[in-house]
PDB file of N, CA and C in Angstrom:
ATOM      1  N   MET A   1      32.437-292.629  73.666  1.00  0.00           N
ATOM      2  CA  MET A   1      30.959-291.743  74.036  1.00  0.00           C
ATOM      3  C   MET A   1      30.337-290.941  73.628  1.00  0.00           C
ATOM      4  N   LYS A   2      30.828-289.852  73.772  1.00  0.00           N
ATOM      5  CA  LYS A   2      30.662-288.632  72.453  1.00  0.00           C
ATOM      6  C   LYS A   2      30.079-289.217  71.244  1.00  0.00           C
ATOM      7  N   ARG A   3      31.537-290.156  70.105  1.00  0.00           N
ATOM      8  CA  ARG A   3      30.724-290.981  68.820  1.00  0.00           C
ATOM      9  C   ARG A   3      29.515-291.492  69.378  1.00  0.00           C
ATOM     10  N   PHE A   4      28.744-292.154  70.568  1.00  0.00           N
ATOM     11  CA  PHE A   4      27.509-293.300  70.990  1.00  0.00           C
ATOM     12  C   PHE A   4      26.791-292.172  70.845  1.00  0.00           C
ATOM     13  N   LEU A   5      26.784-291.054  70.815  1.00  0.00           N
ATOM     14  CA  LEU A   5      25.851-290.299  71.739  1.00  0.00           C
ATOM     15  C   LEU A   5      25.024-289.782  70.202  1.00  0.00           C
ATOM     16  N   PHE A   6      26.771-289.135  69.707  1.00  0.00           N
ATOM     17  CA  PHE A   6      26.122-287.952  67.642  1.00  0.00           C
ATOM     18  C   PHE A   6      26.031-289.757  67.108  1.00  0.00           C
ATOM     19  N   GLY A   7      26.437-290.971  67.563  1.00  0.00           N
ATOM     20  CA  GLY A   7      25.371-291.135  66.177  1.00  0.00           C
ATOM     21  C   GLY A   7      23.510-291.849  66.745  1.00  0.00           C
ATOM     22  N   MET A   8      23.368-291.666  67.754  1.00  0.00           N
ATOM     23  CA  MET A   8      22.366-292.214  68.040  1.00  0.00           C
ATOM     24  C   MET A   8      20.878-290.701  68.108  1.00  0.00           C
ATOM     25  N   LEU A   9      21.677-290.006  67.900  1.00  0.00           N
ATOM     26  CA  LEU A   9      21.329-288.578  67.868  1.00  0.00           C
ATOM     27  C   LEU A   9      20.418-289.017  65.763  1.00  0.00           C
ATOM     28  N   LEU A  10      21.799-288.871  65.553  1.00  0.00           N
ATOM     29  CA  LEU A  10      21.694-289.240  64.109  1.00  0.00           C
ATOM     30  C   LEU A  10      20.653-290.100  63.040  1.00  0.00           C
ATOM     31  N   ALA A  11      20.548-291.535  64.223  1.00  0.00           N
ATOM     32  CA  ALA A  11      19.830-292.464  63.653  1.00  0.00           C
ATOM     33  C   ALA A  11      18.376-291.877  64.775  1.00  0.00           C
ATOM     34  N   ALA A  12      18.120-291.126  65.193  1.00  0.00           N
ATOM     35  CA  ALA A  12      17.118-290.476  66.025  1.00  0.00           C
ATOM     36  C   ALA A  12      16.522-289.783  65.495  1.00  0.00           C
ATOM     37  N   ALA A  13      17.005-288.524  64.482  1.00  0.00           N
ATOM     38  CA  ALA A  13      16.679-288.070  63.362  1.00  0.00           C
ATOM     39  C   ALA A  13      16.592-288.262  62.096  1.00  0.00           C
ATOM     40  N   GLY A  14      17.012-289.069  61.903  1.00  0.00           N
ATOM     41  CA  GLY A  14      16.406-289.749  60.131  1.00  0.00           C
ATOM     42  C   GLY A  14      15.483-290.378  60.615  1.00  0.00           C
ATOM     43  N   LEU A  15      15.352-291.230  61.552  1.00  0.00           N
ATOM     44  CA  LEU A  15      14.164-292.324  61.327  1.00  0.00           C
ATOM     45  C   LEU A  15      13.319-291.535  61.745  1.00  0.00           C
ATOM     46  N   GLY A  16      13.118-290.462  62.613  1.00  0.00           N
ATOM     47  CA  GLY A  16      11.997-289.334  62.863  1.00  0.00           C
ATOM     48  C   GLY A  16      11.604-289.014  61.800  1.00  0.00           C
ATOM     49  N   PHE A  17      12.659-288.173  60.456  1.00  0.00           N
ATOM     50  CA  PHE A  17      12.523-287.835  59.482  1.00  0.00           C
ATOM     51  C   PHE A  17      12.224-288.548  58.473  1.00  0.00           C
ATOM     52  N   SER A  18      12.033-289.694  58.067  1.00  0.00           N
ATOM     53  CA  SER A  18      12.056-290.993  57.086  1.00  0.00           C
ATOM     54  C   SER A  18      10.431-291.407  57.511  1.00  0.00           C
ATOM     55  N   LEU A  19      10.061-291.823  59.018  1.00  0.00           N
ATOM     56  CA  LEU A  19       8.720-291.856  58.934  1.00  0.00           C
ATOM     57  C   LEU A  19       7.601-291.256  59.333  1.00  0.00           C
ATOM     58  N   PHE A  20       8.307-290.027  59.168  1.00  0.00           N
ATOM     59  CA  PHE A  20       7.652-288.728  58.617  1.00  0.00           C
ATOM     60  C   PHE A  20       6.911-289.024  57.040  1.00  0.00           C
ATOM     61  N   SER A  21       8.265-288.684  56.654  1.00  0.00           N
ATOM     62  CA  SER A  21       7.717-288.983  55.377  1.00  0.00           C
ATOM     63  C   SER A  21       7.278-289.962  53.863  1.00  0.00           C
ATOM     64  N   PHE A  22       7.867-291.017  55.298  1.00  0.00           N
ATOM     65  CA  PHE A  22       6.957-292.465  54.749  1.00  0.00           C
ATOM     66  C   PHE A  22       5.824-292.449  55.337  1.00  0.00           C
ATOM     67  N   ALA A  23       4.725-292.068  56.060  1.00  0.00           N
ATOM     68  CA  ALA A  23       3.061-290.789  56.590  1.00  0.00           C
ATOM     69  C   ALA A  23       3.089-290.927  55.945  1.00  0.00           C
ATOM     70  N   ASP A  24       3.149-289.416  55.604  1.00  0.00           N
ATOM     71  CA  ASP A  24       2.809-289.182  54.916  1.00  0.00           C
ATOM     72  C   ASP A  24       2.580-289.148  53.328  1.00  0.00           C
ATOM     73  N   ALA A  25       3.870-289.773  52.624  1.00  0.00           N
ATOM     74  CA  ALA A  25       3.072-290.730  51.014  1.00  0.00           C
ATOM     75  C   ALA A  25       1.757-291.813  51.185  1.00  0.00           C
ATOM     76  N   VAL A  26       1.652-292.278  52.804  1.00  0.00           N
ATOM     77  CA  VAL A  26       0.522-293.917  52.620  1.00  0.00           C
ATOM     78  C   VAL A  26      -0.898-292.668  53.052  1.00  0.00           C
ATOM     79  N   TRP A  27      -0.534-291.764  53.823  1.00  0.00           N
ATOM     80  CA  TRP A  27      -2.008-290.937  54.110  1.00  0.00           C
ATOM     81  C   TRP A  27      -2.155-290.271  53.257  1.00  0.00           C
ATOM     82  N   HIS A  28      -1.718-290.129  52.217  1.00  0.00           N
ATOM     83  CA  HIS A  28      -1.630-289.304  50.501  1.00  0.00           C
ATOM     84  C   HIS A  28      -1.486-289.494  49.798  1.00  0.00           C
ATOM     85  N   PRO A  29      -2.143-290.631  49.029  1.00  0.00           N
ATOM     86  CA  PRO A  29      -1.314-291.975  48.043  1.00  0.00           C
ATOM     87  C   PRO A  29      -1.743-291.044  46.639  1.00  0.00           C
ATOM     88  N   GLY A  30      -0.751-291.353  46.129  1.00  0.00           N
ATOM     89  CA  GLY A  30      -1.168-291.076  45.020  1.00  0.00           C
ATOM     90  C   GLY A  30      -0.922-291.430  43.234  1.00  0.00           C
ATOM     91  N   THR A  31      -1.309-290.970  42.349  1.00  0.00           N
ATOM     92  CA  THR A  31       0.147-292.266  41.637  1.00  0.00           C
ATOM     93  C   THR A  31       0.598-291.021  40.300  1.00  0.00           C
ATOM     94  N   PHE A  32       1.259-290.980  39.893  1.00  0.00           N
ATOM     95  CA  PHE A  32       2.934-290.540  39.502  1.00  0.00           C
ATOM     96  C   PHE A  32       3.387-290.458  38.107  1.00  0.00           C
ATOM     97  N   ASN A  33       2.538-290.516  36.999  1.00  0.00           N
ATOM     98  CA  ASN A  33       3.320-291.112  35.371  1.00  0.00           C
ATOM     99  C   ASN A  33       2.967-292.247  35.295  1.00  0.00           C
ATOM    100  N   GLY A  34       1.768-293.108  36.081  1.00  0.00           N
ATOM    101  CA  GLY A  34       0.984-294.625  36.058  1.00  0.00           C
ATOM    102  C   GLY A  34       2.390-295.609  37.492  1.00  0.00           C
ATOM    103  N   ILE A  35       3.079-294.349  38.430  1.00  0.00           N
ATOM    104  CA  ILE A  35       4.280-295.605  39.056  1.00  0.00           C
ATOM    105  C   ILE A  35       3.071-295.529  40.752  1.00  0.00           C
ATOM    106  N   ASP A  36       2.789-296.244  40.838  1.00  0.00           N
ATOM    107  CA  ASP A  36       1.960-296.430  42.000  1.00  0.00           C
ATOM    108  C   ASP A  36       2.141-296.653  42.755  1.00  0.00           C
ATOM    109  N   GLY A  37       1.792-297.606  44.080  1.00  0.00           N
ATOM    110  CA  GLY A  37       2.161-297.779  45.715  1.00  0.00           C
ATOM    111  C   GLY A  37       3.141-296.500  45.932  1.00  0.00           C
ATOM    112  N   LEU A  38       3.938-297.498  46.358  1.00  0.00           N
ATOM    113  CA  LEU A  38       4.866-296.104  48.170  1.00  0.00           C
ATOM    114  C   LEU A  38       5.455-295.553  47.070  1.00  0.00           C
ATOM    115  N   LEU A  39       6.378-295.655  46.056  1.00  0.00           N
ATOM    116  CA  LEU A  39       6.974-295.290  45.465  1.00  0.00           C
ATOM    117  C   LEU A  39       5.924-293.783  44.743  1.00  0.00           C
ATOM    118  N   GLY A  40       4.963-294.304  43.816  1.00  0.00           N
ATOM    119  CA  GLY A  40       5.245-292.926  43.452  1.00  0.00           C
ATOM    120  C   GLY A  40       3.972-292.518  44.723  1.00  0.00           C
ATOM    121  N   SER A  41       3.606-292.963  45.354  1.00  0.00           N
ATOM    122  CA  SER A  41       3.231-291.649  46.311  1.00  0.00           C
ATOM    123  C   SER A  41       4.147-290.819  47.187  1.00  0.00           C
ATOM    124  N   LEU A  42       6.033-291.396  46.996  1.00  0.00           N
ATOM    125  CA  LEU A  42       6.574-290.666  47.679  1.00  0.00           C
ATOM    126  C   LEU A  42       6.685-289.124  46.467  1.00  0.00           C
ATOM    127  N   LEU A  43       7.150-290.004  45.069  1.00  0.00           N
ATOM    128  CA  LEU A  43       7.263-289.178  43.322  1.00  0.00           C
ATOM    129  C   LEU A  43       5.938-288.208  43.573  1.00  0.00           C
ATOM    130  N   TYR A  44       5.005-289.072  43.983  1.00  0.00           N
ATOM    131  CA  TYR A  44       3.809-287.395  43.682  1.00  0.00           C
ATOM    132  C   TYR A  44       3.905-286.221  44.857  1.00  0.00           C
ATOM    133  N   ARG A  45       3.999-286.945  46.079  1.00  0.00           N
ATOM    134  CA  ARG A  45       4.061-286.452  46.834  1.00  0.00           C
ATOM    135  C   ARG A  45       5.178-284.712  46.705  1.00  0.00           C
ATOM    136  N   ASP A  46       6.675-285.623  45.771  1.00  0.00           N
ATOM    137  CA  ASP A  46       8.490-285.177  46.406  1.00  0.00           C
ATOM    138  C   ASP A  46       8.350-284.569  47.298  1.00  0.00           C
ATOM    139  N   THR A  47       8.764-286.191  48.071  1.00  0.00           N
ATOM    140  CA  THR A  47       9.346-286.379  49.451  1.00  0.00           C
ATOM    141  C   THR A  47      10.115-287.394  48.719  1.00  0.00           C
ATOM    142  N   LEU A  48      10.947-288.485  47.680  1.00  0.00           N
ATOM    143  CA  LEU A  48      11.585-289.604  47.875  1.00  0.00           C
ATOM    144  C   LEU A  48      13.544-288.587  47.925  1.00  0.00           C
ATOM    145  N   MET A  49      13.547-288.062  47.805  1.00  0.00           N
ATOM    146  CA  MET A  49      14.857-287.302  48.173  1.00  0.00           C
ATOM    147  C   MET A  49      15.164-286.890  49.046  1.00  0.00           C
ATOM    148  N   PRO A  50      13.981-286.387  50.279  1.00  0.00           N
ATOM    149  CA  PRO A  50      14.116-286.380  51.813  1.00  0.00           C
ATOM    150  C   PRO A  50      13.922-287.613  52.341  1.00  0.00           C
ATOM    151  N   PHE A  51      13.365-288.653  51.735  1.00  0.00           N
ATOM    152  CA  PHE A  51      13.467-289.974  52.053  1.00  0.00           C
ATOM    153  C   PHE A  51      14.358-291.080  52.307  1.00  0.00           C
ATOM    154  N   ALA A  52      14.895-290.454  51.427  1.00  0.00           N
ATOM    155  CA  ALA A  52      15.792-290.895  50.965  1.00  0.00           C
ATOM    156  C   ALA A  52      17.252-290.612  51.751  1.00  0.00           C
ATOM    157  N   LEU A  53      17.645-289.330  51.881  1.00  0.00           N
ATOM    158  CA  LEU A  53      18.212-288.695  52.294  1.00  0.00           C
ATOM    159  C   LEU A  53      18.522-289.074  54.068  1.00  0.00           C
ATOM    160  N   ALA A  54      17.004-288.493  54.990  1.00  0.00           N
ATOM    161  CA  ALA A  54      16.966-289.724  56.100  1.00  0.00           C
ATOM    162  C   ALA A  54      17.403-290.150  56.652  1.00  0.00           C
ATOM    163  N   SER A  55      16.507-291.702  55.302  1.00  0.00           N
ATOM    164  CA  SER A  55      17.467-293.176  55.712  1.00  0.00           C
ATOM    165  C   SER A  55      18.708-293.446  55.988  1.00  0.00           C
ATOM    166  N   GLY A  56      19.193-292.924  54.422  1.00  0.00           N
ATOM    167  CA  GLY A  56      21.195-292.918  54.898  1.00  0.00           C
ATOM    168  C   GLY A  56      21.558-292.283  55.931  1.00  0.00           C
ATOM    169  N   VAL A  57      20.742-291.092  56.332  1.00  0.00           N
ATOM    170  CA  VAL A  57      21.414-290.733  57.849  1.00  0.00           C
ATOM    171  C   VAL A  57      20.819-291.340  59.115  1.00  0.00           C
ATOM    172  N   ALA A  58      19.730-292.014  58.758  1.00  0.00           N
ATOM    173  CA  ALA A  58      19.307-292.997  60.139  1.00  0.00           C
ATOM    174  C   ALA A  58      20.365-294.247  60.152  1.00  0.00           C
ATOM    175  N   LEU A  59      21.125-294.848  59.029  1.00  0.00           N
ATOM    176  CA  LEU A  59      22.342-295.853  58.869  1.00  0.00           C
ATOM    177  C   LEU A  59      22.894-295.659  58.956  1.00  0.00           C
ATOM    178  N   LEU A  60      24.093-294.471  58.576  1.00  0.00           N
ATOM    179  CA  LEU A  60      25.624-293.562  58.820  1.00  0.00           C
ATOM    180  C   LEU A  60      24.681-293.945  60.590  1.00  0.00           C
ATOM    181  N   GLY A  61      23.646-293.649  61.330  1.00  0.00           N
ATOM    182  CA  GLY A  61      23.912-293.264  62.939  1.00  0.00           C
ATOM    183  C   GLY A  61      24.070-294.692  63.542  1.00  0.00           C
ATOM    184  N   MET A  62      23.578-295.655  62.899  1.00  0.00           N
ATOM    185  CA  MET A  62      23.163-297.137  63.253  1.00  0.00           C
ATOM    186  C   MET A  62      24.603-296.961  63.306  1.00  0.00           C
ATOM    187  N   VAL A  63      25.265-297.330  61.538  1.00  0.00           N
ATOM    188  CA  VAL A  63      26.331-297.913  61.621  1.00  0.00           C
ATOM    189  C   VAL A  63      27.759-297.767  62.813  1.00  0.00           C
ATOM    190  N   LEU A  64      27.263-295.427  62.921  1.00  0.00           N
ATOM    191  CA  LEU A  64      28.280-294.613  64.141  1.00  0.00           C
ATOM    192  C   LEU A  64      27.820-295.996  65.292  1.00  0.00           C
ATOM    193  N   CYS A  65      26.866-296.199  65.760  1.00  0.00           N
ATOM    194  CA  CYS A  65      26.742-296.854  66.857  1.00  0.00           C
ATOM    195  C   CYS A  65      27.099-297.567  67.179  1.00  0.00           C
ATOM    196  N   GLY A  66      27.282-298.829  65.962  1.00  0.00           N
ATOM    197  CA  GLY A  66      27.346-300.190  65.715  1.00  0.00           C
ATOM    198  C   GLY A  66      29.210-299.965  66.367  1.00  0.00           C
ATOM    199  N   LEU A  67      29.915-299.616  65.180  1.00  0.00           N
ATOM    200  CA  LEU A  67      31.475-299.335  65.406  1.00  0.00           C
ATOM    201  C   LEU A  67      31.398-298.346  67.382  1.00  0.00           C
ATOM    202  N   GLU A  68      30.893-298.741  67.395  1.00  0.00           N
ATOM    203  CA  GLU A  68      31.797-297.746  68.731  1.00  0.00           C
ATOM    204  C   GLU A  68      31.154-298.435  69.798  1.00  0.00           C
ATOM    205  N   ALA A  69      29.868-299.400  69.673  1.00  0.00           N
ATOM    206  CA  ALA A  69      29.244-300.590  70.562  1.00  0.00           C
ATOM    207  C   ALA A  69      30.692-301.195  70.855  1.00  0.00           C
ATOM    208  N   TYR A  70      30.711-302.118  69.703  1.00  0.00           N
ATOM    209  CA  TYR A  70      31.857-302.714  69.316  1.00  0.00           C
ATOM    210  C   TYR A  70      33.176-302.819  69.265  1.00  0.00           C
ATOM    211  N   ARG A  71      33.719-301.383  69.859  1.00  0.00           N
ATOM    212  CA  ARG A  71      35.118-301.272  70.366  1.00  0.00           C
ATOM    213  C   ARG A  71      36.030-302.151  70.836  1.00  0.00           C
ATOM    214  N   ARG A  72      37.139-302.529  69.754  1.00  0.00           N
ATOM    215  CA  ARG A  72      37.621-302.917  70.892  1.00  0.00           C
ATOM    216  C   ARG A  72      39.412-302.506  72.261  1.00  0.00           C
ATOM    217  N   LYS A  73      38.450-301.951  73.346  1.00  0.00           N
ATOM    218  CA  LYS A  73      39.812-301.119  73.828  1.00  0.00           C
ATOM    219  C   LYS A  73      41.751-301.470  74.084  1.00  0.00           C
TER     220      LYS A  73
END
């Protein structure tokens, strides 16, 4: 149960920060060396690496929750 809660906290924190980075890129569009769209906005605002890390943390938390939810005892 403790690992499940830890996974939920990881997933929530990762999703929250990745949604913040995504919203920041959408609300402040930009072009980075001719790259448009979401990727260009993430590069222009210099939030691509934090977005990727937060998405990875969210994915890790979801995997941990899934493993704990369907673990055989």
